[in-house]
């Protein structure tokens, strides 16, 4: 956030709000199909077994 103050009592002359880094990354990854495949598989249970060899 950038805030420019002018005058004795102060007032907002300009205010600019930009997304943070995490928001930029999330926006950039929306179209990444590989990431969404991983996310969709996160909650799936993986089956495995341990043999006594």
PDB file of N, CA and C in Angstrom:
ATOM      1  N   UNK A   1       0.859  -1.172   0.000  1.00  0.00           N
ATOM      2  CA  UNK A   1       0.000   0.000   0.000  1.00  0.00           C
ATOM      3  C   UNK A   1       0.894   1.221   0.000  1.00  0.00           C
ATOM      4  N   UNK A   2       0.626   2.114  -0.895  1.00  0.00           N
ATOM      5  CA  UNK A   2       1.334   3.390  -0.911  1.00  0.00           C
ATOM      6  C   UNK A   2       0.355   4.474  -0.506  1.00  0.00           C
ATOM      7  N   UNK A   3       0.757   5.339   0.402  1.00  0.00           N
ATOM      8  CA  UNK A   3      -0.102   6.408   0.878  1.00  0.00           C
ATOM      9  C   UNK A   3       0.668   7.716   0.799  1.00  0.00           C
ATOM     10  N   UNK A   4       0.125   8.655   0.063  1.00  0.00           N
ATOM     11  CA  UNK A   4       0.727   9.972  -0.051  1.00  0.00           C
ATOM     12  C   UNK A   4      -0.135  10.945   0.743  1.00  0.00           C
ATOM     13  N   UNK A   5       0.466  11.653   1.682  1.00  0.00           N
ATOM     14  CA  UNK A   5      -0.267  12.584   2.533  1.00  0.00           C
ATOM     15  C   UNK A   5       0.157  13.999   2.185  1.00  0.00           C
ATOM     16  N   UNK A   6      -0.832  14.891   2.113  1.00  0.00           N
ATOM     17  CA  UNK A   6      -0.548  16.276   1.768  1.00  0.00           C
ATOM     18  C   UNK A   6      -1.366  17.190   2.672  1.00  0.00           C
ATOM     19  N   UNK A   7      -0.813  18.312   3.032  1.00  0.00           N
ATOM     20  CA  UNK A   7      -1.532  19.290   3.843  1.00  0.00           C
ATOM     21  C   UNK A   7      -1.277  19.110   5.326  1.00  0.00           C
ATOM     22  N   UNK A   8      -1.704  20.113   6.101  1.00  0.00           N
ATOM     23  CA  UNK A   8      -1.459  20.111   7.536  1.00  0.00           C
ATOM     24  C   UNK A   8      -2.275  19.032   8.247  1.00  0.00           C
ATOM     25  N   UNK A   9      -3.540  18.857   7.881  1.00  0.00           N
ATOM     26  CA  UNK A   9      -4.388  17.874   8.546  1.00  0.00           C
ATOM     27  C   UNK A   9      -4.251  16.496   7.913  1.00  0.00           C
ATOM     28  N   UNK A  10      -3.762  16.444   6.712  1.00  0.00           N
ATOM     29  CA  UNK A  10      -3.537  15.191   6.012  1.00  0.00           C
ATOM     30  C   UNK A  10      -4.804  14.659   5.352  1.00  0.00           C
ATOM     31  N   UNK A  11      -4.660  14.184   4.163  1.00  0.00           N
ATOM     32  CA  UNK A  11      -5.746  13.531   3.437  1.00  0.00           C
ATOM     33  C   UNK A  11      -5.128  12.604   2.409  1.00  0.00           C
ATOM     34  N   UNK A  12      -5.912  11.644   1.944  1.00  0.00           N
ATOM     35  CA  UNK A  12      -5.415  10.706   0.942  1.00  0.00           C
ATOM     36  C   UNK A  12      -5.420  11.359  -0.424  1.00  0.00           C
ATOM     37  N   UNK A  13      -4.243  11.558  -0.960  1.00  0.00           N
ATOM     38  CA  UNK A  13      -4.136  12.090  -2.311  1.00  0.00           C
ATOM     39  C   UNK A  13      -4.056  10.944  -3.307  1.00  0.00           C
ATOM     40  N   UNK A  14      -3.505   9.824  -2.867  1.00  0.00           N
ATOM     41  CA  UNK A  14      -3.366   8.665  -3.744  1.00  0.00           C
ATOM     42  C   UNK A  14      -3.236   7.420  -2.882  1.00  0.00           C
ATOM     43  N   UNK A  15      -3.901   6.353  -3.317  1.00  0.00           N
ATOM     44  CA  UNK A  15      -3.821   5.095  -2.600  1.00  0.00           C
ATOM     45  C   UNK A  15      -3.758   3.983  -3.633  1.00  0.00           C
ATOM     46  N   UNK A  16      -2.703   3.194  -3.567  1.00  0.00           N
ATOM     47  CA  UNK A  16      -2.541   2.089  -4.517  1.00  0.00           C
ATOM     48  C   UNK A  16      -2.344   0.808  -3.725  1.00  0.00           C
ATOM     49  N   UNK A  17      -3.193  -0.175  -3.995  1.00  0.00           N
ATOM     50  CA  UNK A  17      -3.105  -1.465  -3.322  1.00  0.00           C
ATOM     51  C   UNK A  17      -2.765  -2.517  -4.365  1.00  0.00           C
ATOM     52  N   UNK A  18      -1.737  -3.297  -4.094  1.00  0.00           N
ATOM     53  CA  UNK A  18      -1.317  -4.352  -5.005  1.00  0.00           C
ATOM     54  C   UNK A  18      -1.348  -5.686  -4.264  1.00  0.00           C
ATOM     55  N   UNK A  19      -1.622  -6.779  -4.983  1.00  0.00           N
ATOM     56  CA  UNK A  19      -1.628  -8.086  -4.327  1.00  0.00           C
ATOM     57  C   UNK A  19      -0.231  -8.473  -3.841  1.00  0.00           C
ATOM     58  N   UNK A  20      -0.206  -9.285  -2.828  1.00  0.00           N
ATOM     59  CA  UNK A  20       1.075  -9.751  -2.315  1.00  0.00           C
ATOM     60  C   UNK A  20       1.609 -10.899  -3.172  1.00  0.00           C
ATOM     61  N   UNK A  21       2.773 -11.361  -2.867  1.00  0.00           N
ATOM     62  CA  UNK A  21       3.448 -12.390  -3.658  1.00  0.00           C
ATOM     63  C   UNK A  21       2.629 -13.674  -3.744  1.00  0.00           C
ATOM     64  N   UNK A  22       2.036 -14.094  -2.632  1.00  0.00           N
ATOM     65  CA  UNK A  22       1.241 -15.328  -2.628  1.00  0.00           C
ATOM     66  C   UNK A  22       0.063 -15.198  -3.589  1.00  0.00           C
ATOM     67  N   UNK A  23      -0.593 -14.070  -3.599  1.00  0.00           N
ATOM     68  CA  UNK A  23      -1.716 -13.856  -4.519  1.00  0.00           C
ATOM     69  C   UNK A  23      -1.254 -13.912  -5.964  1.00  0.00           C
ATOM     70  N   UNK A  24      -0.096 -13.345  -6.251  1.00  0.00           N
ATOM     71  CA  UNK A  24       0.446 -13.385  -7.621  1.00  0.00           C
ATOM     72  C   UNK A  24       0.731 -14.828  -8.037  1.00  0.00           C
ATOM     73  N   UNK A  25       1.311 -15.600  -7.135  1.00  0.00           N
ATOM     74  CA  UNK A  25       1.621 -17.002  -7.443  1.00  0.00           C
ATOM     75  C   UNK A  25       0.336 -17.790  -7.679  1.00  0.00           C
ATOM     76  N   UNK A  26      -0.655 -17.617  -6.801  1.00  0.00           N
ATOM     77  CA  UNK A  26      -1.933 -18.313  -6.970  1.00  0.00           C
ATOM     78  C   UNK A  26      -2.572 -17.971  -8.305  1.00  0.00           C
ATOM     79  N   UNK A  27      -2.544 -16.717  -8.676  1.00  0.00           N
ATOM     80  CA  UNK A  27      -3.133 -16.291  -9.955  1.00  0.00           C
ATOM     81  C   UNK A  27      -2.383 -16.910 -11.128  1.00  0.00           C
ATOM     82  N   UNK A  28      -1.072 -16.952 -11.043  1.00  0.00           N
ATOM     83  CA  UNK A  28      -0.261 -17.499 -12.135  1.00  0.00           C
ATOM     84  C   UNK A  28      -0.460 -19.004 -12.286  1.00  0.00           C
ATOM     85  N   UNK A  29      -0.795 -19.689 -11.193  1.00  0.00           N
ATOM     86  CA  UNK A  29      -0.915 -21.143 -11.232  1.00  0.00           C
ATOM     87  C   UNK A  29      -2.328 -21.632 -11.546  1.00  0.00           C
ATOM     88  N   UNK A  30      -3.276 -20.741 -11.718  1.00  0.00           N
ATOM     89  CA  UNK A  30      -4.655 -21.148 -11.992  1.00  0.00           C
ATOM     90  C   UNK A  30      -4.773 -22.004 -13.244  1.00  0.00           C
ATOM     91  N   UNK A  31      -3.970 -21.724 -14.247  1.00  0.00           N
ATOM     92  CA  UNK A  31      -4.061 -22.425 -15.526  1.00  0.00           C
ATOM     93  C   UNK A  31      -3.079 -23.592 -15.643  1.00  0.00           C
ATOM     94  N   UNK A  32      -2.347 -23.910 -14.583  1.00  0.00           N
ATOM     95  CA  UNK A  32      -1.340 -24.967 -14.630  1.00  0.00           C
ATOM     96  C   UNK A  32      -1.992 -26.318 -14.336  1.00  0.00           C
ATOM     97  N   UNK A  33      -2.237 -27.104 -15.374  1.00  0.00           N
ATOM     98  CA  UNK A  33      -2.948 -28.376 -15.214  1.00  0.00           C
ATOM     99  C   UNK A  33      -2.157 -29.386 -14.386  1.00  0.00           C
ATOM    100  N   UNK A  34      -0.839 -29.356 -14.450  1.00  0.00           N
ATOM    101  CA  UNK A  34      -0.031 -30.288 -13.662  1.00  0.00           C
ATOM    102  C   UNK A  34      -0.220 -30.050 -12.167  1.00  0.00           C
ATOM    103  N   UNK A  35      -0.268 -28.807 -11.764  1.00  0.00           N
ATOM    104  CA  UNK A  35      -0.472 -28.485 -10.349  1.00  0.00           C
ATOM    105  C   UNK A  35      -1.853 -28.946  -9.902  1.00  0.00           C
ATOM    106  N   UNK A  36      -2.879 -28.727 -10.740  1.00  0.00           N
ATOM    107  CA  UNK A  36      -4.236 -29.130 -10.361  1.00  0.00           C
ATOM    108  C   UNK A  36      -4.364 -30.645 -10.285  1.00  0.00           C
ATOM    109  N   UNK A  37      -3.634 -31.370 -11.102  1.00  0.00           N
ATOM    110  CA  UNK A  37      -3.633 -32.832 -11.011  1.00  0.00           C
ATOM    111  C   UNK A  37      -3.069 -33.267  -9.664  1.00  0.00           C
ATOM    112  N   UNK A  38      -2.004 -32.648  -9.235  1.00  0.00           N
ATOM    113  CA  UNK A  38      -1.401 -32.958  -7.932  1.00  0.00           C
ATOM    114  C   UNK A  38      -2.371 -32.616  -6.806  1.00  0.00           C
ATOM    115  N   UNK A  39      -2.977 -31.445  -6.866  1.00  0.00           N
ATOM    116  CA  UNK A  39      -3.916 -31.013  -5.828  1.00  0.00           C
ATOM    117  C   UNK A  39      -5.095 -31.981  -5.729  1.00  0.00           C
ATOM    118  N   UNK A  40      -5.628 -32.402  -6.870  1.00  0.00           N
ATOM    119  CA  UNK A  40      -6.768 -33.318  -6.872  1.00  0.00           C
ATOM    120  C   UNK A  40      -6.399 -34.676  -6.282  1.00  0.00           C
ATOM    121  N   UNK A  41      -5.155 -35.086  -6.403  1.00  0.00           N
ATOM    122  CA  UNK A  41      -4.721 -36.388  -5.897  1.00  0.00           C
ATOM    123  C   UNK A  41      -4.226 -36.349  -4.450  1.00  0.00           C
ATOM    124  N   UNK A  42      -4.147 -35.188  -3.849  1.00  0.00           N
ATOM    125  CA  UNK A  42      -3.631 -35.073  -2.485  1.00  0.00           C
ATOM    126  C   UNK A  42      -4.474 -35.844  -1.475  1.00  0.00           C
ATOM    127  N   UNK A  43      -5.781 -35.835  -1.635  1.00  0.00           N
ATOM    128  CA  UNK A  43      -6.661 -36.470  -0.657  1.00  0.00           C
ATOM    129  C   UNK A  43      -6.925 -37.941  -0.953  1.00  0.00           C
ATOM    130  N   UNK A  44      -6.415 -38.452  -2.046  1.00  0.00           N
ATOM    131  CA  UNK A  44      -6.623 -39.854  -2.382  1.00  0.00           C
ATOM    132  C   UNK A  44      -5.659 -40.716  -1.571  1.00  0.00           C
ATOM    133  N   UNK A  45      -6.188 -41.803  -1.053  1.00  0.00           N
ATOM    134  CA  UNK A  45      -5.367 -42.700  -0.248  1.00  0.00           C
ATOM    135  C   UNK A  45      -4.512 -43.568  -1.166  1.00  0.00           C
ATOM    136  N   UNK A  46      -3.268 -43.677  -0.828  1.00  0.00           N
ATOM    137  CA  UNK A  46      -2.335 -44.495  -1.597  1.00  0.00           C
ATOM    138  C   UNK A  46      -2.223 -45.852  -0.909  1.00  0.00           C
ATOM    139  N   UNK A  47      -2.342 -46.915  -1.702  1.00  0.00           N
ATOM    140  CA  UNK A  47      -2.220 -48.259  -1.141  1.00  0.00           C
ATOM    141  C   UNK A  47      -0.784 -48.746  -1.303  1.00  0.00           C
ATOM    142  N   UNK A  48      -0.263 -49.348  -0.261  1.00  0.00           N
ATOM    143  CA  UNK A  48       1.063 -49.942  -0.321  1.00  0.00           C
ATOM    144  C   UNK A  48       1.107 -51.092   0.671  1.00  0.00           C
ATOM    145  N   UNK A  49       2.087 -51.924   0.529  1.00  0.00           N
ATOM    146  CA  UNK A  49       2.245 -53.030   1.465  1.00  0.00           C
ATOM    147  C   UNK A  49       3.719 -53.207   1.772  1.00  0.00           C
ATOM    148  N   UNK A  50       3.979 -53.808   2.898  1.00  0.00           N
ATOM    149  CA  UNK A  50       5.338 -54.044   3.350  1.00  0.00           C
ATOM    150  C   UNK A  50       5.519 -55.545   3.500  1.00  0.00           C
ATOM    151  N   UNK A  51       6.419 -56.111   2.722  1.00  0.00           N
ATOM    152  CA  UNK A  51       6.682 -57.550   2.772  1.00  0.00           C
ATOM    153  C   UNK A  51       7.846 -57.833   3.715  1.00  0.00           C
ATOM    154  N   UNK A  52       7.774 -58.962   4.389  1.00  0.00           N
ATOM    155  CA  UNK A  52       8.867 -59.389   5.263  1.00  0.00           C
ATOM    156  C   UNK A  52       9.775 -60.334   4.492  1.00  0.00           C
ATOM    157  N   UNK A  53      10.608 -59.817   3.638  1.00  0.00           N
ATOM    158  CA  UNK A  53      11.530 -60.645   2.833  1.00  0.00           C
ATOM    159  C   UNK A  53      12.906 -60.687   3.445  1.00  0.00           C
TER     160      UNK A  53
END
